[in-house]
Amino acid sequence: MSSNLKALIRYPLLIPFALMSVLRNILMKPDRTLRGSEEPIAPGGNWLKASSLPSWRYECGAGVIKDEIYVIGGLAVLPTVYTVTRRVEIYNTKEDRWRKGASLPVIIHHPGVAAVNNHLYVVGGNGFRIKAYPYVYEFNLQKNVWLRKKNMPTPRGALGVASIEGLIYAIGGATAVGWKAKIPRGELEVYDPKKDEWMSLEPLPTPREHLTAAAAGGLIFALGGYQKSQSECLVTNEAYNPSTGRWEKRAPLPLALCGFPAVAVRDKIFVFGGEQGWAVSGECHEYDVFKDRWMRRTDMPVPSYGSVAAVVNGRVHVIGGKSRLFGYIMNRDHHIFVVKG
């Protein structure tokens, strides 16, 4: 018996949401034709399979402490904002093994996560449905507890978060207005973990949500996302320079994307999958920060969006997600992209 079916038997109140998810998938008949980049694939990496994520969930967060990957929160059991978890699962990269970690104090999906000095920080995110959080939680490894820190000035979910030189940058995202509407945000706010203080900086030129952020080459990049809906994703790539306090336009993504993970490996940024219109991408792209140039690399073994990615010893772990935008089956896939060169 699948874990999803077990959950429905244990919590019968979830059954209406399960039926809604199935009917939505059938009746809306979403266009799943991949409108890909049509870029040629260049050699530069290969994929390995690793131990699967223990639980079904997506739109979670992930961070690394001491070669272990922490996967935090997300939409679980069913692909709906009504079934949110605070679950934390930890992957030991040396043993290829998962274990359960200390749960976050609140349920959360679409959070920002960053690691600084062997401390993990969960920034913003959404609670039940699209209620945006201002919360910041720090995980103390020695005590195995989550500690509440000073709130982010602007509550936001589906934001981009990246760390550089001991500071955490929270970029864009969305705040709910009423039951369904959301406002794309352009705030750039920086958190100093040592001082437990926030400061506002020059706003993102293109306000958006479901973007992703990564730091490389001394810059912070805000990639993709959308302003109105995932059917109007952006190719926008904007870089913030902490030294000058200014944003600049960079080479656009090879295809319009949102809901995808991005990670930095040395002076390169890699993006994996994502939503594209009403389809799901399985493409992998590499961005050279200094050459301001994109290259397509070997496609993912399984197309996905809402997955997480984390780098350990130069290897990129891509975990979870969903392969159909309106599908009701989530992935537990865990693949490792081995960067060449």
Protein backbone atom coordinates (compact mmCIF):
# COMPACT_ATOMS: atom_id res chain seq x y z
CA MET A 1 0.00 0.00 0.00
CA SER A 2 1.39 3.41 -0.99
CA SER A 3 2.12 6.07 1.63
CA ASN A 4 -0.45 8.34 -0.05
CA LEU A 5 -3.22 5.75 0.31
CA LYS A 6 -2.25 5.08 3.92
CA ALA A 7 -2.54 8.81 4.63
CA LEU A 8 -6.03 8.98 3.11
CA ILE A 9 -7.17 6.06 5.27
CA ARG A 10 -5.68 7.64 8.38
CA TYR A 11 -6.94 11.15 7.59
CA PRO A 12 -10.26 10.83 5.68
CA LEU A 13 -10.67 14.62 5.65
CA LEU A 14 -7.99 14.64 2.93
CA ILE A 15 -10.20 12.65 0.53
CA PRO A 16 -12.01 15.72 -0.92
CA PHE A 17 -8.65 17.33 -1.69
CA ALA A 18 -7.46 14.13 -3.35
CA LEU A 19 -10.58 14.03 -5.54
CA MET A 20 -10.17 17.72 -6.37
CA SER A 21 -6.59 17.11 -7.45
CA VAL A 22 -7.58 14.19 -9.70
CA LEU A 23 -10.53 16.03 -11.27
CA ARG A 24 -8.45 19.13 -11.86
CA ASN A 25 -5.86 17.03 -13.63
CA ILE A 26 -8.50 15.45 -15.91
CA LEU A 27 -10.80 18.40 -16.60
CA MET A 28 -8.22 21.15 -17.19
CA LYS A 29 -6.29 19.00 -19.68
CA PRO A 30 -3.13 21.04 -19.31
CA ASP A 31 -0.72 21.40 -22.21
CA ARG A 32 2.27 19.25 -21.29
CA THR A 33 4.16 19.82 -24.52
CA LEU A 34 7.68 20.83 -23.56
CA ARG A 35 8.58 24.10 -25.19
CA GLY A 36 12.27 23.51 -24.81
CA SER A 37 15.29 25.67 -25.47
CA GLU A 38 16.26 23.73 -28.63
CA GLU A 39 19.86 24.28 -27.65
CA PRO A 40 22.30 21.46 -28.49
CA ILE A 41 23.51 19.41 -25.53
CA ALA A 42 27.21 19.92 -24.81
CA PRO A 43 29.34 17.34 -22.95
CA GLY A 44 30.02 18.37 -19.38
CA GLY A 45 28.46 16.09 -16.81
CA ASN A 46 26.69 12.80 -16.15
CA TRP A 47 23.96 11.55 -13.84
CA LEU A 48 24.04 8.93 -11.08
CA LYS A 49 21.15 7.49 -9.10
CA ALA A 50 21.09 7.77 -5.30
CA SER A 51 18.83 6.64 -2.47
CA SER A 52 15.27 7.95 -2.93
CA LEU A 53 13.70 10.60 -0.72
CA PRO A 54 11.77 8.67 1.98
CA SER A 55 8.56 10.72 1.73
CA TRP A 56 6.41 12.08 -1.08
CA ARG A 57 6.69 15.87 -1.19
CA TYR A 58 7.71 18.81 -3.33
CA GLU A 59 8.02 22.62 -3.14
CA CYS A 60 10.28 22.10 -0.12
CA GLY A 61 13.63 23.62 0.80
CA ALA A 62 17.10 22.15 1.16
CA GLY A 63 20.45 23.04 2.66
CA VAL A 64 23.77 21.41 3.55
CA ILE A 65 25.57 21.05 6.89
CA LYS A 66 28.76 18.99 7.12
CA ASP A 67 28.17 16.95 3.95
CA GLU A 68 24.58 16.16 4.92
CA ILE A 69 21.55 17.42 3.00
CA TYR A 70 18.49 18.60 4.93
CA VAL A 71 15.18 18.53 3.02
CA ILE A 72 12.65 20.71 4.81
CA GLY A 73 8.86 21.01 4.65
CA GLY A 74 6.92 21.04 1.40
CA LEU A 75 3.57 19.91 0.06
CA ALA A 76 3.15 16.32 1.17
CA VAL A 77 0.81 13.35 0.73
CA LEU A 78 -1.13 15.25 -1.96
CA PRO A 79 -0.01 17.97 -4.37
CA THR A 80 -2.12 20.69 -2.79
CA VAL A 81 -1.47 23.72 -0.59
CA TYR A 82 -3.89 22.20 1.94
CA THR A 83 -1.50 19.39 2.88
CA VAL A 84 1.66 21.02 4.16
CA THR A 85 4.33 19.36 6.29
CA ARG A 86 7.04 20.41 8.73
CA ARG A 87 8.97 17.19 8.13
CA VAL A 88 12.77 17.27 7.93
CA GLU A 89 14.72 14.39 6.37
CA ILE A 90 18.51 14.24 6.29
CA TYR A 91 20.63 12.54 3.66
CA ASN A 92 24.10 11.30 4.55
CA THR A 93 26.14 11.63 1.36
CA LYS A 94 28.87 9.26 2.59
CA GLU A 95 26.52 6.42 3.48
CA ASP A 96 23.80 7.04 0.84
CA ARG A 97 21.27 6.86 3.62
CA TRP A 98 18.32 8.94 4.86
CA ARG A 99 17.17 9.54 8.42
CA LYS A 100 14.50 11.66 10.07
CA GLY A 101 15.56 15.02 11.52
CA ALA A 102 14.06 17.43 14.04
CA SER A 103 10.85 18.80 12.52
CA LEU A 104 10.52 22.51 11.84
CA PRO A 105 8.26 24.22 14.43
CA VAL A 106 5.76 25.23 11.71
CA ILE A 107 4.35 23.67 8.55
CA ILE A 108 5.94 25.25 5.50
CA HIS A 109 6.16 25.17 1.72
CA HIS A 110 8.05 27.34 -0.80
CA PRO A 111 10.65 28.37 1.82
CA GLY A 112 14.07 29.90 1.30
CA VAL A 113 16.97 27.95 2.83
CA ALA A 114 20.62 28.89 3.29
CA ALA A 115 23.57 27.57 5.28
CA VAL A 116 26.10 29.80 7.05
CA ASN A 117 28.94 28.50 9.29
CA ASN A 118 27.35 25.07 9.80
CA HIS A 119 24.02 26.61 10.76
CA LEU A 120 20.96 26.16 8.57
CA TYR A 121 18.45 28.99 8.11
CA VAL A 122 14.88 28.72 6.86
CA VAL A 123 13.65 32.08 5.62
CA GLY A 124 10.06 33.04 4.76
CA GLY A 125 7.91 30.52 2.91
CA ASN A 126 4.19 29.82 3.08
CA GLY A 127 2.07 28.08 5.69
CA PHE A 128 -1.46 26.79 5.04
CA ARG A 129 -2.40 27.63 1.44
CA ILE A 130 -0.52 30.81 0.45
CA LYS A 131 -0.14 32.51 3.83
CA ALA A 132 3.31 34.13 3.63
CA TYR A 133 5.63 33.88 6.62
CA PRO A 134 8.06 36.50 7.93
CA TYR A 135 9.66 33.79 10.09
CA VAL A 136 13.32 32.89 10.27
CA TYR A 137 14.45 29.66 11.92
CA GLU A 138 18.01 28.61 12.65
CA PHE A 139 18.96 24.97 13.12
CA ASN A 140 21.54 24.42 15.85
CA LEU A 141 23.37 21.21 14.99
CA GLN A 142 24.91 20.69 18.43
CA LYS A 143 21.58 20.97 20.26
CA ASN A 144 19.49 19.46 17.42
CA VAL A 145 16.86 22.19 17.78
CA TRP A 146 15.29 24.93 15.67
CA LEU A 147 15.59 28.43 17.11
CA ARG A 148 13.33 31.34 16.19
CA LYS A 149 15.27 34.39 14.97
CA LYS A 150 14.28 37.92 14.06
CA ASN A 151 11.49 38.13 11.49
CA MET A 152 12.20 39.11 7.91
CA PRO A 153 10.79 42.65 7.34
CA THR A 154 8.60 41.56 4.38
CA PRO A 155 6.65 38.28 4.69
CA ARG A 156 7.19 36.26 1.51
CA GLY A 157 6.91 32.79 0.05
CA ALA A 158 8.33 31.40 -3.21
CA LEU A 159 11.33 33.70 -2.80
CA GLY A 160 14.97 33.32 -3.78
CA VAL A 161 17.57 32.98 -1.02
CA ALA A 162 21.37 32.89 -1.32
CA SER A 163 24.28 33.41 1.06
CA ILE A 164 27.60 35.11 0.47
CA GLU A 165 30.33 36.21 2.92
CA GLY A 166 28.29 35.15 5.94
CA LEU A 167 25.16 37.10 4.98
CA ILE A 168 21.80 35.79 3.72
CA TYR A 169 19.99 37.60 0.91
CA ALA A 170 16.20 37.20 0.52
CA ILE A 171 15.03 38.20 -2.95
CA GLY A 172 11.57 38.66 -4.47
CA GLY A 173 8.78 36.19 -3.75
CA ALA A 174 5.06 36.78 -3.25
CA THR A 175 2.61 37.91 -0.60
CA ALA A 176 -0.99 36.72 -0.62
CA VAL A 177 -3.87 39.17 -0.93
CA GLY A 178 -7.18 37.62 0.02
CA TRP A 179 -7.93 33.97 -0.75
CA LYS A 180 -6.22 33.52 -4.11
CA ALA A 181 -4.47 36.65 -5.36
CA LYS A 182 -0.75 37.17 -4.86
CA ILE A 183 1.50 40.18 -5.30
CA PRO A 184 4.97 39.59 -6.77
CA ARG A 185 7.60 41.23 -4.60
CA GLY A 186 10.80 43.03 -5.46
CA GLU A 187 12.29 43.44 -1.99
CA LEU A 188 15.93 42.60 -1.41
CA GLU A 189 16.57 42.19 2.31
CA VAL A 190 19.80 40.94 3.86
CA TYR A 191 20.14 39.07 7.15
CA ASP A 192 23.24 39.06 9.36
CA PRO A 193 23.14 35.83 11.46
CA LYS A 194 25.79 37.10 13.89
CA LYS A 195 23.83 40.22 14.74
CA ASP A 196 20.36 38.73 14.14
CA GLU A 197 19.52 41.85 12.14
CA TRP A 198 17.87 42.63 8.80
CA MET A 199 18.57 45.48 6.39
CA SER A 200 16.79 46.55 3.20
CA LEU A 201 18.82 47.01 0.00
CA GLU A 202 18.13 48.15 -3.56
CA PRO A 203 15.01 46.30 -4.78
CA LEU A 204 15.05 43.67 -7.49
CA PRO A 205 14.49 45.43 -10.85
CA THR A 206 11.94 42.82 -11.96
CA PRO A 207 9.59 41.86 -9.08
CA ARG A 208 8.67 38.16 -9.32
CA GLU A 209 7.92 34.97 -7.47
CA HIS A 210 8.86 31.32 -7.94
CA LEU A 211 12.31 32.57 -8.90
CA THR A 212 15.52 31.04 -7.64
CA ALA A 213 18.75 32.61 -6.43
CA ALA A 214 22.39 31.53 -6.40
CA ALA A 215 25.68 33.18 -5.46
CA ALA A 216 28.83 32.83 -7.59
CA GLY A 217 31.77 35.01 -8.59
CA GLY A 218 31.03 37.48 -5.80
CA LEU A 219 27.54 38.19 -7.22
CA ILE A 220 24.02 37.08 -6.37
CA PHE A 221 21.83 36.00 -9.29
CA ALA A 222 18.03 36.12 -9.40
CA LEU A 223 16.85 33.72 -12.09
CA GLY A 224 13.50 33.13 -13.80
CA GLY A 225 10.17 33.23 -11.98
CA TYR A 226 6.88 34.86 -12.92
CA GLN A 227 4.74 37.89 -12.14
CA LYS A 228 1.19 36.80 -13.04
CA SER A 229 1.12 33.03 -13.49
CA GLN A 230 3.33 30.10 -14.41
CA SER A 231 1.95 30.29 -17.94
CA GLU A 232 3.96 33.52 -18.31
CA CYS A 233 7.36 32.51 -16.99
CA LEU A 234 10.35 34.79 -17.42
CA VAL A 235 13.86 34.35 -18.83
CA THR A 236 15.10 37.18 -16.61
CA ASN A 237 18.59 36.95 -15.12
CA GLU A 238 19.56 39.85 -12.86
CA ALA A 239 22.73 40.03 -10.76
CA TYR A 240 23.29 41.97 -7.55
CA ASN A 241 26.76 43.16 -6.64
CA PRO A 242 27.12 43.47 -2.83
CA SER A 243 30.22 45.65 -3.29
CA THR A 244 28.41 48.34 -5.31
CA GLY A 245 24.87 47.76 -4.08
CA ARG A 246 23.63 47.68 -7.68
CA TRP A 247 21.72 45.32 -9.96
CA GLU A 248 22.64 44.59 -13.57
CA LYS A 249 21.04 42.64 -16.42
CA ARG A 250 22.74 39.41 -17.42
CA ALA A 251 22.30 36.92 -20.27
CA PRO A 252 18.70 35.60 -20.12
CA LEU A 253 17.94 31.98 -19.39
CA PRO A 254 17.74 29.76 -22.50
CA LEU A 255 14.04 29.15 -21.82
CA ALA A 256 11.32 30.70 -19.69
CA LEU A 257 11.21 28.97 -16.32
CA CYS A 258 9.90 29.10 -12.78
CA GLY A 259 9.80 26.66 -9.89
CA PHE A 260 13.27 25.23 -10.47
CA PRO A 261 16.38 24.83 -8.27
CA ALA A 262 19.73 26.45 -9.02
CA VAL A 263 23.10 25.86 -7.40
CA ALA A 264 26.61 27.23 -7.80
CA VAL A 265 29.65 25.04 -8.38
CA ARG A 266 32.72 27.29 -8.33
CA ASP A 267 32.08 30.04 -10.94
CA LYS A 268 29.24 28.17 -12.67
CA ILE A 269 25.53 28.08 -11.90
CA PHE A 270 23.42 25.06 -12.81
CA VAL A 271 19.63 25.08 -13.19
CA PHE A 272 17.52 21.94 -13.32
CA GLY A 273 14.03 21.41 -14.77
CA GLY A 274 11.23 23.73 -13.71
CA GLU A 275 7.78 24.74 -14.89
CA GLN A 276 7.44 26.02 -18.41
CA GLY A 277 3.99 27.18 -19.40
CA TRP A 278 1.85 24.23 -18.38
CA ALA A 279 4.63 21.73 -19.01
CA VAL A 280 7.60 20.48 -17.02
CA SER A 281 11.19 20.79 -18.18
CA GLY A 282 13.84 18.13 -17.92
CA GLU A 283 16.66 20.29 -19.20
CA CYS A 284 19.87 21.14 -17.38
CA HIS A 285 21.68 24.40 -18.13
CA GLU A 286 25.03 25.75 -17.02
CA TYR A 287 25.75 29.47 -16.68
CA ASP A 288 29.31 30.78 -16.76
CA VAL A 289 29.33 33.79 -14.46
CA PHE A 290 32.43 35.43 -15.93
CA LYS A 291 31.65 34.75 -19.59
CA ASP A 292 27.96 35.61 -19.11
CA ARG A 293 27.04 32.59 -21.24
CA TRP A 294 24.64 29.66 -20.99
CA MET A 295 25.27 26.09 -22.18
CA ARG A 296 22.89 23.16 -22.16
CA ARG A 297 24.16 20.06 -20.39
CA THR A 298 22.90 16.47 -20.18
CA ASP A 299 19.14 16.34 -19.54
CA MET A 300 17.82 15.18 -16.18
CA PRO A 301 16.88 11.49 -15.89
CA VAL A 302 13.37 12.56 -14.80
CA PRO A 303 11.82 15.96 -15.70
CA SER A 304 10.67 17.79 -12.59
CA TYR A 305 9.66 21.07 -11.01
CA GLY A 306 9.40 21.99 -7.36
CA SER A 307 12.48 19.88 -6.67
CA VAL A 308 15.47 20.89 -4.55
CA ALA A 309 19.18 20.84 -5.31
CA ALA A 310 22.22 20.88 -3.05
CA VAL A 311 25.98 20.69 -3.66
CA VAL A 312 28.27 18.41 -1.66
CA ASN A 313 31.92 18.00 -2.68
CA GLY A 314 31.27 19.37 -6.16
CA ARG A 315 28.40 16.97 -6.86
CA VAL A 316 24.86 18.28 -7.29
CA HIS A 317 22.04 16.33 -5.66
CA VAL A 318 18.63 16.95 -7.28
CA ILE A 319 15.82 15.58 -5.12
CA GLY A 320 12.03 15.21 -5.33
CA GLY A 321 9.63 17.40 -7.28
CA LYS A 322 6.80 16.58 -9.68
CA SER A 323 6.86 15.57 -13.33
CA ARG A 324 3.38 16.81 -14.23
CA LEU A 325 2.14 20.24 -13.33
CA PHE A 326 -1.42 19.07 -12.73
CA GLY A 327 -0.49 15.48 -11.99
CA TYR A 328 -1.18 14.03 -8.58
CA ILE A 329 1.93 11.86 -8.33
CA MET A 330 5.01 13.34 -6.69
CA ASN A 331 8.58 12.14 -7.25
CA ARG A 332 10.90 10.65 -4.67
CA ASP A 333 13.71 10.58 -7.22
CA HIS A 334 17.22 11.48 -6.13
CA HIS A 335 19.87 11.86 -8.80
CA ILE A 336 23.40 13.22 -8.62
CA PHE A 337 24.81 15.40 -11.37
CA VAL A 338 28.57 14.95 -11.59
CA VAL A 339 30.10 18.14 -12.98
CA LYS A 340 32.91 17.65 -15.47
CA GLY A 341 35.67 20.18 -15.97
